[in-house]
Amino acid sequence: MENNEVQPIGVTQKTMATIADVVTSTINRAICAAGFSPIPSNARGKMRYSIEDTRRVLSRFISDKYKVTKKIQCFYNFKGGVGKTSICFQVASHLALCGFKVLVIDADPQGHLSTSFGFNNDESYCTLYDAIIGVKTINEVIRNIYDGLDCIPSNLSLTRTEVSLNEMPKREERVKILLQPLVNKYDFIIFDTNPTISYLNRNVLTCCDIVNIIVETQAYSLNGVKLLLSDIKAFCDSMMIGLPEIFMFPNKYEDRSATSAEAIVALNQIYPQYLMPNFAIRKSEEFNIASKLSKPLAFFCRNNSIAFDDVMDMIRFLINKSSEK
């Protein structure tokens, strides 16, 4: 079932070129060769192309060149307010534009990711909870957002998951069991987690190949990172499973902030093995605008957007770490 409440308006050739990391003339030649036409618009100036045509063009440059081997990933942190939902929204949306088949799962009862995708979380609709307790199959709770992007949304009904999981055998593995039929259907399965130590988050850790930790570049945010990493390791040891691959992405970095600079230095000194070299996601109001508009940055961001540049750098890094070329 398609979520028609949120339909972004299209992608320009210049934006496609940025995503594919090629010059605009290369994209223009690909569009002309394929015979694609821009979508009808009353707006003057920039021609935009549909999501379907964008995916067809960009798949030649990106998804067709990679075999994804580390499909199941999450965005994770015990601390709220670090920006993990905003980054998850952007990463999942743009991976779909790159030609990948993506399922994003909102595992936070607050449902902020679902709201970004245009769902009204005051309404009654099926969530991961319904699949876990068995009243719906996993396929029945999946909603289509647009071509290449599916979602299992969340609302407050997900708060009931903890009690149900506690009463189940293999309570830390229920989500892993549910996802087994989907692994070959998608290139990426991405979770947005809730900022707690919960049975649901334990389930997510059990099935993830990669854990992406979003860290706000503030001194107090760094205090919990050691505890977070220690908890992940202790849980994996208790389950006798291997550690997932862990990446750490500094977020909300401000060039003129001494606190941000100190946080980056500390992260590089203590956790260099988890960091993308010389990278931080810079603070930008465009992330908030994107969530409010229910649109990925590619559909509205200005030229030379630092938010869009940072998201694309992060996505290229994750594609390379998740795939065989």
C-alpha atoms as a PDB file:
ATOM      1  CA  MET A   1       0.000   0.000   0.000  1.00  0.00           C
ATOM      2  CA  GLU A   2       1.519   3.296  -1.083  1.00  0.00           C
ATOM      3  CA  ASN A   3       1.740   6.208   1.314  1.00  0.00           C
ATOM      4  CA  ASN A   4       0.507   8.850  -1.111  1.00  0.00           C
ATOM      5  CA  GLU A   5       0.500  11.595   1.506  1.00  0.00           C
ATOM      6  CA  VAL A   6       4.192  12.159   0.874  1.00  0.00           C
ATOM      7  CA  GLN A   7       5.317  12.331  -2.741  1.00  0.00           C
ATOM      8  CA  PRO A   8       8.456  14.411  -3.311  1.00  0.00           C
ATOM      9  CA  ILE A   9       8.398  16.483  -6.475  1.00  0.00           C
ATOM     10  CA  GLY A  10      11.461  15.207  -8.310  1.00  0.00           C
ATOM     11  CA  VAL A  11      15.211  15.523  -8.716  1.00  0.00           C
ATOM     12  CA  THR A  12      17.234  17.864 -10.917  1.00  0.00           C
ATOM     13  CA  GLN A  13      20.082  16.736 -13.155  1.00  0.00           C
ATOM     14  CA  LYS A  14      22.552  18.673 -11.000  1.00  0.00           C
ATOM     15  CA  THR A  15      21.359  16.878  -7.867  1.00  0.00           C
ATOM     16  CA  MET A  16      21.604  13.512  -9.627  1.00  0.00           C
ATOM     17  CA  ALA A  17      25.155  14.401 -10.603  1.00  0.00           C
ATOM     18  CA  THR A  18      26.022  15.161  -6.983  1.00  0.00           C
ATOM     19  CA  ILE A  19      24.553  11.845  -5.840  1.00  0.00           C
ATOM     20  CA  ALA A  20      26.417   9.902  -8.552  1.00  0.00           C
ATOM     21  CA  ASP A  21      29.602  11.953  -8.053  1.00  0.00           C
ATOM     22  CA  VAL A  22      29.841  12.742 -11.779  1.00  0.00           C
ATOM     23  CA  VAL A  23      29.515  15.910 -13.856  1.00  0.00           C
ATOM     24  CA  THR A  24      26.050  17.078 -14.882  1.00  0.00           C
ATOM     25  CA  SER A  25      26.732  16.460 -18.594  1.00  0.00           C
ATOM     26  CA  THR A  26      27.163  12.744 -17.833  1.00  0.00           C
ATOM     27  CA  ILE A  27      23.722  12.641 -16.257  1.00  0.00           C
ATOM     28  CA  ASN A  28      22.274  14.601 -19.182  1.00  0.00           C
ATOM     29  CA  ARG A  29      23.631  12.062 -21.658  1.00  0.00           C
ATOM     30  CA  ALA A  30      22.191   9.179 -19.630  1.00  0.00           C
ATOM     31  CA  ILE A  31      18.771  10.855 -19.499  1.00  0.00           C
ATOM     32  CA  CYS A  32      18.765  11.588 -23.222  1.00  0.00           C
ATOM     33  CA  ALA A  33      19.868   8.044 -24.091  1.00  0.00           C
ATOM     34  CA  ALA A  34      17.047   6.619 -21.974  1.00  0.00           C
ATOM     35  CA  GLY A  35      14.503   9.032 -23.420  1.00  0.00           C
ATOM     36  CA  PHE A  36      13.300  10.283 -20.039  1.00  0.00           C
ATOM     37  CA  SER A  37      11.251  13.469 -19.873  1.00  0.00           C
ATOM     38  CA  PRO A  38      11.029  15.887 -16.941  1.00  0.00           C
ATOM     39  CA  ILE A  39       7.899  15.809 -14.840  1.00  0.00           C
ATOM     40  CA  PRO A  40       5.269  18.448 -15.643  1.00  0.00           C
ATOM     41  CA  SER A  41       5.729  21.520 -13.478  1.00  0.00           C
ATOM     42  CA  ASN A  42       4.535  25.086 -13.308  1.00  0.00           C
ATOM     43  CA  ALA A  43       7.823  26.108 -11.731  1.00  0.00           C
ATOM     44  CA  ARG A  44      10.256  28.041 -13.870  1.00  0.00           C
ATOM     45  CA  GLY A  45      13.843  27.058 -14.359  1.00  0.00           C
ATOM     46  CA  LYS A  46      15.069  23.688 -13.097  1.00  0.00           C
ATOM     47  CA  MET A  47      13.707  20.566 -14.759  1.00  0.00           C
ATOM     48  CA  ARG A  48      13.018  17.717 -12.377  1.00  0.00           C
ATOM     49  CA  TYR A  49      12.711  14.011 -12.994  1.00  0.00           C
ATOM     50  CA  SER A  50      10.488  11.458 -11.309  1.00  0.00           C
ATOM     51  CA  ILE A  51      11.673   9.143  -8.564  1.00  0.00           C
ATOM     52  CA  GLU A  52      11.345   6.154 -10.904  1.00  0.00           C
ATOM     53  CA  ASP A  53      13.453   7.780 -13.633  1.00  0.00           C
ATOM     54  CA  THR A  54      15.966   9.085 -11.085  1.00  0.00           C
ATOM     55  CA  ARG A  55      16.435   5.546  -9.772  1.00  0.00           C
ATOM     56  CA  ARG A  56      16.870   4.193 -13.297  1.00  0.00           C
ATOM     57  CA  VAL A  57      19.536   6.769 -14.092  1.00  0.00           C
ATOM     58  CA  LEU A  58      21.433   6.549 -10.794  1.00  0.00           C
ATOM     59  CA  SER A  59      21.365   2.745 -10.616  1.00  0.00           C
ATOM     60  CA  ARG A  60      23.783   2.678 -13.571  1.00  0.00           C
ATOM     61  CA  PHE A  61      26.306   4.690 -11.572  1.00  0.00           C
ATOM     62  CA  ILE A  62      25.724   3.285  -8.089  1.00  0.00           C
ATOM     63  CA  SER A  63      23.542   0.291  -7.182  1.00  0.00           C
ATOM     64  CA  ASP A  64      24.418  -1.777 -10.270  1.00  0.00           C
ATOM     65  CA  LYS A  65      28.091  -1.551  -9.322  1.00  0.00           C
ATOM     66  CA  TYR A  66      27.775  -2.965  -5.816  1.00  0.00           C
ATOM     67  CA  LYS A  67      26.691  -6.231  -4.233  1.00  0.00           C
ATOM     68  CA  VAL A  68      25.507  -5.390  -0.713  1.00  0.00           C
ATOM     69  CA  THR A  69      26.683  -8.016   1.785  1.00  0.00           C
ATOM     70  CA  LYS A  70      25.988  -6.184   5.072  1.00  0.00           C
ATOM     71  CA  LYS A  71      22.317  -5.423   4.579  1.00  0.00           C
ATOM     72  CA  ILE A  72      20.859  -4.993   8.044  1.00  0.00           C
ATOM     73  CA  GLN A  73      21.882  -1.802   9.807  1.00  0.00           C
ATOM     74  CA  CYS A  74      20.645   0.477  12.552  1.00  0.00           C
ATOM     75  CA  PHE A  75      21.055   4.018  13.782  1.00  0.00           C
ATOM     76  CA  TYR A  76      21.719   3.771  17.475  1.00  0.00           C
ATOM     77  CA  ASN A  77      22.350   5.719  20.651  1.00  0.00           C
ATOM     78  CA  PHE A  78      20.975   5.542  24.192  1.00  0.00           C
ATOM     79  CA  LYS A  79      20.895   9.328  24.276  1.00  0.00           C
ATOM     80  CA  GLY A  80      17.987  11.174  22.701  1.00  0.00           C
ATOM     81  CA  GLY A  81      18.335  14.348  20.678  1.00  0.00           C
ATOM     82  CA  VAL A  82      21.565  13.431  18.903  1.00  0.00           C
ATOM     83  CA  GLY A  83      19.917  13.557  15.476  1.00  0.00           C
ATOM     84  CA  LYS A  84      19.905   9.847  14.623  1.00  0.00           C
ATOM     85  CA  THR A  85      16.329   9.885  13.288  1.00  0.00           C
ATOM     86  CA  SER A  86      17.036  12.807  10.960  1.00  0.00           C
ATOM     87  CA  ILE A  87      20.150  11.100   9.628  1.00  0.00           C
ATOM     88  CA  CYS A  88      18.360   7.743   9.298  1.00  0.00           C
ATOM     89  CA  PHE A  89      15.613   9.448   7.279  1.00  0.00           C
ATOM     90  CA  GLN A  90      18.128  10.980   4.893  1.00  0.00           C
ATOM     91  CA  VAL A  91      20.293   7.882   4.495  1.00  0.00           C
ATOM     92  CA  ALA A  92      17.388   5.501   3.815  1.00  0.00           C
ATOM     93  CA  SER A  93      15.708   7.909   1.374  1.00  0.00           C
ATOM     94  CA  HIS A  94      18.841   8.613  -0.629  1.00  0.00           C
ATOM     95  CA  LEU A  95      19.929   4.964  -0.760  1.00  0.00           C
ATOM     96  CA  ALA A  96      16.599   4.310  -2.480  1.00  0.00           C
ATOM     97  CA  LEU A  97      17.271   7.134  -4.960  1.00  0.00           C
ATOM     98  CA  CYS A  98      20.640   5.497  -5.694  1.00  0.00           C
ATOM     99  CA  GLY A  99      18.749   2.495  -7.068  1.00  0.00           C
ATOM    100  CA  PHE A 100      18.851   0.236  -4.021  1.00  0.00           C
ATOM    101  CA  LYS A 101      15.764  -1.498  -2.657  1.00  0.00           C
ATOM    102  CA  VAL A 102      15.408  -0.243   0.921  1.00  0.00           C
ATOM    103  CA  LEU A 103      13.223  -1.183   3.883  1.00  0.00           C
ATOM    104  CA  VAL A 104      13.361   1.250   6.799  1.00  0.00           C
ATOM    105  CA  ILE A 105      11.881   0.159  10.133  1.00  0.00           C
ATOM    106  CA  ASP A 106      10.808   2.630  12.787  1.00  0.00           C
ATOM    107  CA  ALA A 107      11.555   0.893  16.101  1.00  0.00           C
ATOM    108  CA  ASP A 108      10.883   3.962  18.255  1.00  0.00           C
ATOM    109  CA  PRO A 109       7.376   4.305  19.761  1.00  0.00           C
ATOM    110  CA  GLN A 110       7.666   8.086  19.420  1.00  0.00           C
ATOM    111  CA  GLY A 111       7.395   7.542  15.674  1.00  0.00           C
ATOM    112  CA  HIS A 112       9.382  10.576  14.581  1.00  0.00           C
ATOM    113  CA  LEU A 113      10.821   8.723  11.587  1.00  0.00           C
ATOM    114  CA  SER A 114       7.313   7.680  10.568  1.00  0.00           C
ATOM    115  CA  THR A 115       6.185  11.302  10.816  1.00  0.00           C
ATOM    116  CA  SER A 116       9.046  12.288   8.504  1.00  0.00           C
ATOM    117  CA  PHE A 117       7.700   9.787   5.975  1.00  0.00           C
ATOM    118  CA  GLY A 118       4.250  11.348   6.157  1.00  0.00           C
ATOM    119  CA  PHE A 119       2.487   9.044   8.615  1.00  0.00           C
ATOM    120  CA  ASN A 120       0.173  10.498  11.246  1.00  0.00           C
ATOM    121  CA  ASN A 121       1.165   8.541  14.347  1.00  0.00           C
ATOM    122  CA  ASP A 122      -2.096   9.442  16.052  1.00  0.00           C
ATOM    123  CA  GLU A 123      -3.806   7.087  13.624  1.00  0.00           C
ATOM    124  CA  SER A 124      -4.187   3.348  14.125  1.00  0.00           C
ATOM    125  CA  TYR A 125      -2.018   1.400  11.694  1.00  0.00           C
ATOM    126  CA  CYS A 126       0.059  -1.755  11.969  1.00  0.00           C
ATOM    127  CA  THR A 127       3.599  -1.573  13.306  1.00  0.00           C
ATOM    128  CA  LEU A 128       6.422  -3.972  14.086  1.00  0.00           C
ATOM    129  CA  TYR A 129       4.519  -4.841  17.266  1.00  0.00           C
ATOM    130  CA  ASP A 130       1.727  -6.491  15.252  1.00  0.00           C
ATOM    131  CA  ALA A 131       4.239  -8.700  13.453  1.00  0.00           C
ATOM    132  CA  ILE A 132       6.072  -9.613  16.656  1.00  0.00           C
ATOM    133  CA  ILE A 133       2.915 -10.811  18.426  1.00  0.00           C
ATOM    134  CA  GLY A 134       1.757 -12.606  15.286  1.00  0.00           C
ATOM    135  CA  VAL A 135      -1.508 -10.841  14.463  1.00  0.00           C
ATOM    136  CA  LYS A 136       0.020  -9.731  11.147  1.00  0.00           C
ATOM    137  CA  THR A 137       2.752 -11.172   8.955  1.00  0.00           C
ATOM    138  CA  ILE A 138       5.871  -9.103   8.429  1.00  0.00           C
ATOM    139  CA  ASN A 139       4.804  -8.383   4.839  1.00  0.00           C
ATOM    140  CA  GLU A 140       1.415  -7.109   6.018  1.00  0.00           C
ATOM    141  CA  VAL A 141       2.946  -4.335   8.137  1.00  0.00           C
ATOM    142  CA  ILE A 142       5.165  -3.000   5.331  1.00  0.00           C
ATOM    143  CA  ARG A 143       4.000   0.219   3.647  1.00  0.00           C
ATOM    144  CA  ASN A 144       5.387   1.594   0.403  1.00  0.00           C
ATOM    145  CA  ILE A 145       6.657   5.182   0.491  1.00  0.00           C
ATOM    146  CA  TYR A 146       7.756   5.459  -3.137  1.00  0.00           C
ATOM    147  CA  ASP A 147       9.625   3.411  -5.711  1.00  0.00           C
ATOM    148  CA  GLY A 148      12.499   1.595  -4.004  1.00  0.00           C
ATOM    149  CA  LEU A 149      11.578   2.611  -0.462  1.00  0.00           C
ATOM    150  CA  ASP A 150       9.341   0.667   1.946  1.00  0.00           C
ATOM    151  CA  CYS A 151       8.672   1.387   5.615  1.00  0.00           C
ATOM    152  CA  ILE A 152       7.371  -0.349   8.709  1.00  0.00           C
ATOM    153  CA  PRO A 153       6.006   2.662  10.580  1.00  0.00           C
ATOM    154  CA  SER A 154       5.661   3.135  14.330  1.00  0.00           C
ATOM    155  CA  ASN A 155       3.262   4.683  16.814  1.00  0.00           C
ATOM    156  CA  LEU A 156       2.629   4.387  20.542  1.00  0.00           C
ATOM    157  CA  SER A 157       1.359   0.821  20.133  1.00  0.00           C
ATOM    158  CA  LEU A 158       5.029  -0.158  19.934  1.00  0.00           C
ATOM    159  CA  THR A 159       5.363   0.534  23.666  1.00  0.00           C
ATOM    160  CA  ARG A 160       3.529  -2.763  24.271  1.00  0.00           C
ATOM    161  CA  THR A 161       6.359  -4.674  22.599  1.00  0.00           C
ATOM    162  CA  GLU A 162       8.498  -4.889  25.746  1.00  0.00           C
ATOM    163  CA  VAL A 163       5.926  -6.851  27.736  1.00  0.00           C
ATOM    164  CA  SER A 164       5.225  -9.187  24.827  1.00  0.00           C
ATOM    165  CA  LEU A 165       8.916  -9.856  24.121  1.00  0.00           C
ATOM    166  CA  ASN A 166       9.597 -10.561  27.784  1.00  0.00           C
ATOM    167  CA  GLU A 167       7.105 -13.427  27.674  1.00  0.00           C
ATOM    168  CA  MET A 168       8.434 -15.022  24.476  1.00  0.00           C
ATOM    169  CA  PRO A 169      11.063 -17.729  23.981  1.00  0.00           C
ATOM    170  CA  LYS A 170      14.207 -16.423  22.297  1.00  0.00           C
ATOM    171  CA  ARG A 171      13.025 -12.936  23.204  1.00  0.00           C
ATOM    172  CA  GLU A 172      16.171 -11.280  21.828  1.00  0.00           C
ATOM    173  CA  GLU A 173      15.820 -13.022  18.453  1.00  0.00           C
ATOM    174  CA  ARG A 174      12.175 -12.461  17.474  1.00  0.00           C
ATOM    175  CA  VAL A 175      12.917  -9.653  15.015  1.00  0.00           C
ATOM    176  CA  LYS A 176      15.769 -11.610  13.438  1.00  0.00           C
ATOM    177  CA  ILE A 177      13.374 -14.496  12.821  1.00  0.00           C
ATOM    178  CA  LEU A 178      10.783 -12.130  11.336  1.00  0.00           C
ATOM    179  CA  LEU A 179      13.277 -10.588   8.924  1.00  0.00           C
ATOM    180  CA  GLN A 180      14.566 -13.849   7.447  1.00  0.00           C
ATOM    181  CA  PRO A 181      12.045 -13.900   4.552  1.00  0.00           C
ATOM    182  CA  LEU A 182      12.936 -10.287   3.672  1.00  0.00           C
ATOM    183  CA  VAL A 183      16.717 -10.430   3.453  1.00  0.00           C
ATOM    184  CA  ASN A 184      16.782 -11.451  -0.205  1.00  0.00           C
ATOM    185  CA  LYS A 185      14.056  -8.959  -1.106  1.00  0.00           C
ATOM    186  CA  TYR A 186      15.965  -5.834  -0.052  1.00  0.00           C
ATOM    187  CA  ASP A 187      19.461  -4.418  -0.507  1.00  0.00           C
ATOM    188  CA  PHE A 188      19.267  -2.561   2.821  1.00  0.00           C
ATOM    189  CA  ILE A 189      17.103  -3.061   5.906  1.00  0.00           C
ATOM    190  CA  ILE A 190      17.607  -0.069   8.210  1.00  0.00           C
ATOM    191  CA  PHE A 191      16.310   0.457  11.761  1.00  0.00           C
ATOM    192  CA  ASP A 192      15.790   3.688  13.617  1.00  0.00           C
ATOM    193  CA  THR A 193      16.015   2.643  17.276  1.00  0.00           C
ATOM    194  CA  ASN A 194      14.580   4.102  20.456  1.00  0.00           C
ATOM    195  CA  PRO A 195      16.993   5.859  22.875  1.00  0.00           C
ATOM    196  CA  THR A 196      16.771   3.234  25.636  1.00  0.00           C
ATOM    197  CA  ILE A 197      18.131  -0.123  26.712  1.00  0.00           C
ATOM    198  CA  SER A 198      15.162  -2.260  25.687  1.00  0.00           C
ATOM    199  CA  TYR A 199      14.342  -5.763  24.525  1.00  0.00           C
ATOM    200  CA  LEU A 200      13.425  -4.315  21.139  1.00  0.00           C
ATOM    201  CA  ASN A 201      16.830  -2.688  20.791  1.00  0.00           C
ATOM    202  CA  ARG A 202      18.410  -5.980  21.863  1.00  0.00           C
ATOM    203  CA  ASN A 203      16.507  -7.627  19.017  1.00  0.00           C
ATOM    204  CA  VAL A 204      17.848  -5.032  16.604  1.00  0.00           C
ATOM    205  CA  LEU A 205      21.437  -5.577  17.755  1.00  0.00           C
ATOM    206  CA  THR A 206      21.035  -9.338  17.373  1.00  0.00           C
ATOM    207  CA  CYS A 207      20.223  -9.081  13.677  1.00  0.00           C
ATOM    208  CA  CYS A 208      22.373  -6.113  12.588  1.00  0.00           C
ATOM    209  CA  ASP A 209      25.472  -6.367  10.412  1.00  0.00           C
ATOM    210  CA  ILE A 210      26.375  -2.712  11.029  1.00  0.00           C
ATOM    211  CA  VAL A 211      25.572  -0.372  13.926  1.00  0.00           C
ATOM    212  CA  ASN A 212      25.801   3.329  13.081  1.00  0.00           C
ATOM    213  CA  ILE A 213      26.206   5.397  16.241  1.00  0.00           C
ATOM    214  CA  ILE A 214      25.277   9.057  15.872  1.00  0.00           C
ATOM    215  CA  VAL A 215      27.163  11.218  18.375  1.00  0.00           C
ATOM    216  CA  GLU A 216      26.372  14.840  19.016  1.00  0.00           C
ATOM    217  CA  THR A 217      29.550  16.943  19.153  1.00  0.00           C
ATOM    218  CA  GLN A 218      29.002  18.137  22.704  1.00  0.00           C
ATOM    219  CA  ALA A 219      31.054  17.238  25.764  1.00  0.00           C
ATOM    220  CA  TYR A 220      28.160  15.633  27.642  1.00  0.00           C
ATOM    221  CA  SER A 221      27.303  13.475  24.606  1.00  0.00           C
ATOM    222  CA  LEU A 222      30.717  11.840  24.739  1.00  0.00           C
ATOM    223  CA  ASN A 223      30.221  10.672  28.303  1.00  0.00           C
ATOM    224  CA  GLY A 224      27.745   8.012  27.246  1.00  0.00           C
ATOM    225  CA  VAL A 225      29.727   6.644  24.295  1.00  0.00           C
ATOM    226  CA  LYS A 226      31.973   4.458  26.445  1.00  0.00           C
ATOM    227  CA  LEU A 227      28.935   3.005  28.231  1.00  0.00           C
ATOM    228  CA  LEU A 228      27.178   2.475  24.901  1.00  0.00           C
ATOM    229  CA  LEU A 229      30.067   0.538  23.386  1.00  0.00           C
ATOM    230  CA  SER A 230      30.561  -1.462  26.569  1.00  0.00           C
ATOM    231  CA  ASP A 231      26.875  -2.399  26.626  1.00  0.00           C
ATOM    232  CA  ILE A 232      26.914  -3.553  22.987  1.00  0.00           C
ATOM    233  CA  LYS A 233      29.960  -5.733  23.621  1.00  0.00           C
ATOM    234  CA  ALA A 234      28.556  -7.195  26.846  1.00  0.00           C
ATOM    235  CA  PHE A 235      25.255  -8.027  25.174  1.00  0.00           C
ATOM    236  CA  CYS A 236      26.929  -9.710  22.193  1.00  0.00           C
ATOM    237  CA  ASP A 237      29.134 -11.710  24.551  1.00  0.00           C
ATOM    238  CA  SER A 238      26.094 -12.828  26.563  1.00  0.00           C
ATOM    239  CA  MET A 239      24.340 -13.910  23.349  1.00  0.00           C
ATOM    240  CA  MET A 240      27.527 -15.582  22.094  1.00  0.00           C
ATOM    241  CA  ILE A 241      27.295 -13.710  18.791  1.00  0.00           C
ATOM    242  CA  GLY A 242      29.936 -11.710  16.995  1.00  0.00           C
ATOM    243  CA  LEU A 243      30.068  -7.963  17.340  1.00  0.00           C
ATOM    244  CA  PRO A 244      28.440  -6.115  14.471  1.00  0.00           C
ATOM    245  CA  GLU A 245      30.645  -3.693  12.614  1.00  0.00           C
ATOM    246  CA  ILE A 246      30.427  -0.327  14.359  1.00  0.00           C
ATOM    247  CA  PHE A 247      30.738   3.123  12.834  1.00  0.00           C
ATOM    248  CA  MET A 248      30.513   6.395  14.695  1.00  0.00           C
ATOM    249  CA  PHE A 249      29.347   9.607  13.008  1.00  0.00           C
ATOM    250  CA  PRO A 250      29.787  12.966  14.766  1.00  0.00           C
ATOM    251  CA  ASN A 251      26.718  15.141  14.225  1.00  0.00           C
ATOM    252  CA  LYS A 252      25.703  18.796  14.609  1.00  0.00           C
ATOM    253  CA  TYR A 253      29.288  19.953  14.211  1.00  0.00           C
ATOM    254  CA  GLU A 254      29.788  23.744  14.273  1.00  0.00           C
ATOM    255  CA  ASP A 255      32.974  25.168  12.766  1.00  0.00           C
ATOM    256  CA  ARG A 256      33.133  28.099  15.155  1.00  0.00           C
ATOM    257  CA  SER A 257      32.317  26.142  18.285  1.00  0.00           C
ATOM    258  CA  ALA A 258      35.206  25.289  20.583  1.00  0.00           C
ATOM    259  CA  THR A 259      33.059  22.577  22.166  1.00  0.00           C
ATOM    260  CA  SER A 260      32.484  20.902  18.791  1.00  0.00           C
ATOM    261  CA  ALA A 261      36.196  21.032  18.001  1.00  0.00           C
ATOM    262  CA  GLU A 262      37.098  19.540  21.383  1.00  0.00           C
ATOM    263  CA  ALA A 263      34.555  16.758  20.923  1.00  0.00           C
ATOM    264  CA  ILE A 264      35.993  15.848  17.499  1.00  0.00           C
ATOM    265  CA  VAL A 265      39.518  15.775  18.911  1.00  0.00           C
ATOM    266  CA  ALA A 266      38.408  13.538  21.785  1.00  0.00           C
ATOM    267  CA  LEU A 267      36.582  11.135  19.453  1.00  0.00           C
ATOM    268  CA  ASN A 268      39.616  10.862  17.185  1.00  0.00           C
ATOM    269  CA  GLN A 269      41.894  10.203  20.123  1.00  0.00           C
ATOM    270  CA  ILE A 270      39.715   7.586  21.801  1.00  0.00           C
ATOM    271  CA  TYR A 271      37.722   5.933  18.989  1.00  0.00           C
ATOM    272  CA  PRO A 272      39.636   6.365  15.697  1.00  0.00           C
ATOM    273  CA  GLN A 273      38.793   2.797  14.625  1.00  0.00           C
ATOM    274  CA  TYR A 274      35.078   3.605  14.446  1.00  0.00           C
ATOM    275  CA  LEU A 275      35.257   6.946  12.637  1.00  0.00           C
ATOM    276  CA  MET A 276      35.012   7.912   9.005  1.00  0.00           C
ATOM    277  CA  PRO A 277      38.272   9.846   8.485  1.00  0.00           C
ATOM    278  CA  ASN A 278      38.066  13.636   8.575  1.00  0.00           C
ATOM    279  CA  PHE A 279      34.299  13.697   8.675  1.00  0.00           C
ATOM    280  CA  ALA A 280      31.507  15.213  10.725  1.00  0.00           C
ATOM    281  CA  ILE A 281      27.926  16.062   9.836  1.00  0.00           C
ATOM    282  CA  ARG A 282      27.692  19.809  10.097  1.00  0.00           C
ATOM    283  CA  LYS A 283      24.813  21.500  11.861  1.00  0.00           C
ATOM    284  CA  SER A 284      22.208  22.681   9.376  1.00  0.00           C
ATOM    285  CA  GLU A 285      18.617  23.841   9.592  1.00  0.00           C
ATOM    286  CA  GLU A 286      17.959  21.916   6.367  1.00  0.00           C
ATOM    287  CA  PHE A 287      17.727  18.672   8.345  1.00  0.00           C
ATOM    288  CA  ASN A 288      14.826  20.093  10.349  1.00  0.00           C
ATOM    289  CA  ILE A 289      13.195  21.465   7.207  1.00  0.00           C
ATOM    290  CA  ALA A 290      13.471  18.070   5.526  1.00  0.00           C
ATOM    291  CA  SER A 291      11.696  16.355   8.403  1.00  0.00           C
ATOM    292  CA  LYS A 292       9.004  19.026   8.494  1.00  0.00           C
ATOM    293  CA  LEU A 293       8.402  18.807   4.726  1.00  0.00           C
ATOM    294  CA  SER A 294       8.604  14.988   4.717  1.00  0.00           C
ATOM    295  CA  LYS A 295      11.123  15.242   1.895  1.00  0.00           C
ATOM    296  CA  PRO A 296      14.710  14.066   1.474  1.00  0.00           C
ATOM    297  CA  LEU A 297      17.251  16.819   0.929  1.00  0.00           C
ATOM    298  CA  ALA A 298      17.634  15.897  -2.755  1.00  0.00           C
ATOM    299  CA  PHE A 299      14.154  17.241  -3.492  1.00  0.00           C
ATOM    300  CA  PHE A 300      14.532  20.751  -2.166  1.00  0.00           C
ATOM    301  CA  CYS A 301      18.016  21.641  -0.898  1.00  0.00           C
ATOM    302  CA  ARG A 302      19.772  24.700  -2.241  1.00  0.00           C
ATOM    303  CA  ASN A 303      22.896  24.552  -4.385  1.00  0.00           C
ATOM    304  CA  ASN A 304      26.070  23.934  -2.352  1.00  0.00           C
ATOM    305  CA  SER A 305      24.048  22.582   0.584  1.00  0.00           C
ATOM    306  CA  ILE A 306      26.406  21.457   3.340  1.00  0.00           C
ATOM    307  CA  ALA A 307      23.724  19.118   4.697  1.00  0.00           C
ATOM    308  CA  PHE A 308      23.314  17.376   1.335  1.00  0.00           C
ATOM    309  CA  ASP A 309      27.082  17.171   0.794  1.00  0.00           C
ATOM    310  CA  ASP A 310      27.584  15.591   4.218  1.00  0.00           C
ATOM    311  CA  VAL A 311      24.761  13.087   3.747  1.00  0.00           C
ATOM    312  CA  MET A 312      26.153  12.005   0.386  1.00  0.00           C
ATOM    313  CA  ASP A 313      29.684  11.619   1.796  1.00  0.00           C
ATOM    314  CA  MET A 314      28.252   9.462   4.574  1.00  0.00           C
ATOM    315  CA  ILE A 315      26.216   7.359   2.128  1.00  0.00           C
ATOM    316  CA  ARG A 316      29.204   6.716  -0.125  1.00  0.00           C
ATOM    317  CA  PHE A 317      31.176   5.581   2.911  1.00  0.00           C
ATOM    318  CA  LEU A 318      28.375   3.240   4.040  1.00  0.00           C
ATOM    319  CA  ILE A 319      27.862   1.778   0.570  1.00  0.00           C
ATOM    320  CA  ASN A 320      31.558   0.961   0.348  1.00  0.00           C
ATOM    321  CA  LYS A 321      31.657  -0.559   3.831  1.00  0.00           C
ATOM    322  CA  SER A 322      28.472  -2.572   3.193  1.00  0.00           C
ATOM    323  CA  SER A 323      29.309  -3.954  -0.234  1.00  0.00           C
ATOM    324  CA  GLU A 324      31.510  -5.809  -2.591  1.00  0.00           C
ATOM    325  CA  LYS A 325      32.183  -3.735  -5.694  1.00  0.00           C
END
